[in-house]
Each structure stands twice: as structure tokens, then as C-alpha cells.
Amino acid sequence: MNFMHALNAAWHDRNSLLCVGLDPDPARFPAHLRGQPDAIFTFCKAIVDATADLVCSFKPQIAYFAAQRAEDQLQALIAHIHDAHPTIPVILDAKRGDIGSTAEQYAIEAFERFKADALTVNPYMGRDSIEPYLAYADKGVILLCRTSNPGGSDLQFLDVGGEKLYERVARLVSQEWNQGGQCALVVGATFPGEIARVRELSGNMPLLVPGIGAQGGDIEATVRAGRTAHGDGLLINSSRAILYAGSGEDFAQAARRVALDTRHAINVHRHPAPEADC
């Protein structure tokens, strides 16, 4: 799968900018799943199968699997997505960032072991730390730019030669690092003004936008700030609000209802209203 081709197809074929984050917390699982040896896989598989026709991507967060020693279930989950829903790209959310030789190993982990279609990475160590991921020409490389957490401003708003650090990242990635057309940027929904600025700097580059739902980001402001002229360009992530919409045996159906409502709320604002004739 070529990540960018699959993403563009999913935006249009599924009429969706919604990315469902898979952050499985066993303490929040329905009672009937607790204690089962493969509960994480079972829970996430049910969510995936219930929402697959409504999303442009899935984004498993590796820490939730690794903390439970469930990397094998993550591997099985991604394999299931590829087998059952082969046109939906999978983003492994790992936020890797280390020197080139170590990055080579992280790239093997993400793209060869787990078979992810894209990976989130940290640009702090510069281009040579990103190149091992870019060597996989069909994979997406999604770089942190303006994150949704309050402490992100500690560094991302620093002045670096007349522009803020997050602006420098957006400029570097879009103008210098994206020669293979593989890159995307992470910009939090809690900062719509910065989403608009990153869109201005990055052209039509995809933006992965966490922070709606449980984190309180405004859907309308996010879409208006980040949409391209074609009404796409965004992967708007929701995790907890969808995953834990229900607590009973019908949890997957509850997740589907919230995903459907979220996709609709996003689509209402995807396309600018036509200008009235004077």
C-alpha cells in the first residue's frame, strides 16, 4: 500500500476525514472482556470492524500495547485491518526520534515488523534522524509540528530567527524534507490559529489533527482552519470519545454511532459555502 494514495482514496471513497485512534486501556473495557488473554485485540478488532466504512485511517498508539506486553496483539490487529479492510491506511503512533542508526531499527520495527503504512516521528534531532523512515518510499512519515498539549508551547513557540519553532518545522518539512511526497504534520485541534498557519506554510500536505472529542478541540474551527481547497487534507483523530462510547456488550455499536456523528460533524464544514453573487 502506498500511504498517500490510500489516504487520498479514503478521503473521497468514504467521504471521511475521521481517523480513529486505537488507545486500548483494559481498565476501561466492558466487563465481559476483562481478564481475557487477547482482550486488547478483541476490543480493538470490534471497534475497527464497526467503524471501518466511516474512517480515512486507523491510528494505534504503541504505548498502550507495549505497556500491557501486547505487541503481538498490535501486530495481529494491523494484520487484521490489512486483511479485512485493505484500503484503509494504518498509522503507528510511536513518535520516534533518535539518531540515524537507531532510527533505522525503529523504521524496521514500524514498517517491516508491524507493517504500518505510516509512522509518527519527532523532528527534534533533524533531517538525518528522519531519513531512515523516508527510505521507505511508499510509507508515510508524520512529523510533530504543533502539538495539542499545553506544554507544547514551551519549545514550539520559541523564536528561531524571526519565526516560531513550529513554523520552522512546517517550512523545513514541506520545502526540504518532503522530496518524496511522503510527509505529513501533526497539529493539535486545540490551536486552530496554528492549524491555519501550518496550512499556509505547508500547502496541501496532510495534517494529522488530534485533540477533538475528549480533549475538547472544536471541530468546526479545526476543519475551517485546516481544510484544503478540495475539502480534504486532514486526518482528524478521535480516540477515547469513540472507543469508550459504550461500556456494555454493545460497545462496538456505540462506538459506531459516535464515529458516524463525528464524521457528519466534520463533513458539515468540509467545503466552503459558495460566494453569493453581488
Foldseek 3Di string as FASTA:
>chain_A
DQLVVLLVCLCPVLVFLEEEELQDDLVLAFPVLRPDPLSSLVLVLLLCVLAVSLAQAYEYEVVSCVVVVNVVSLLVNLVCCCVVVVSHAYEYEDQAFDAQVVLLVVLCCQCVRSNHQEYEYECPVHDRRCVSNVVVLRHAYEYEQADDDPCSCVQQQDDDPHGGNSLVVLQCCQPPVCPSVRYEYEHELQCLVVLLVSCVRRPLGAYEYEQPDPNPRDLLSNQVSHAHQVLHRYNYYDYCCLSNQDRHPCSSVSSSVVSVVSRVSNSVRSHDDDDDDD
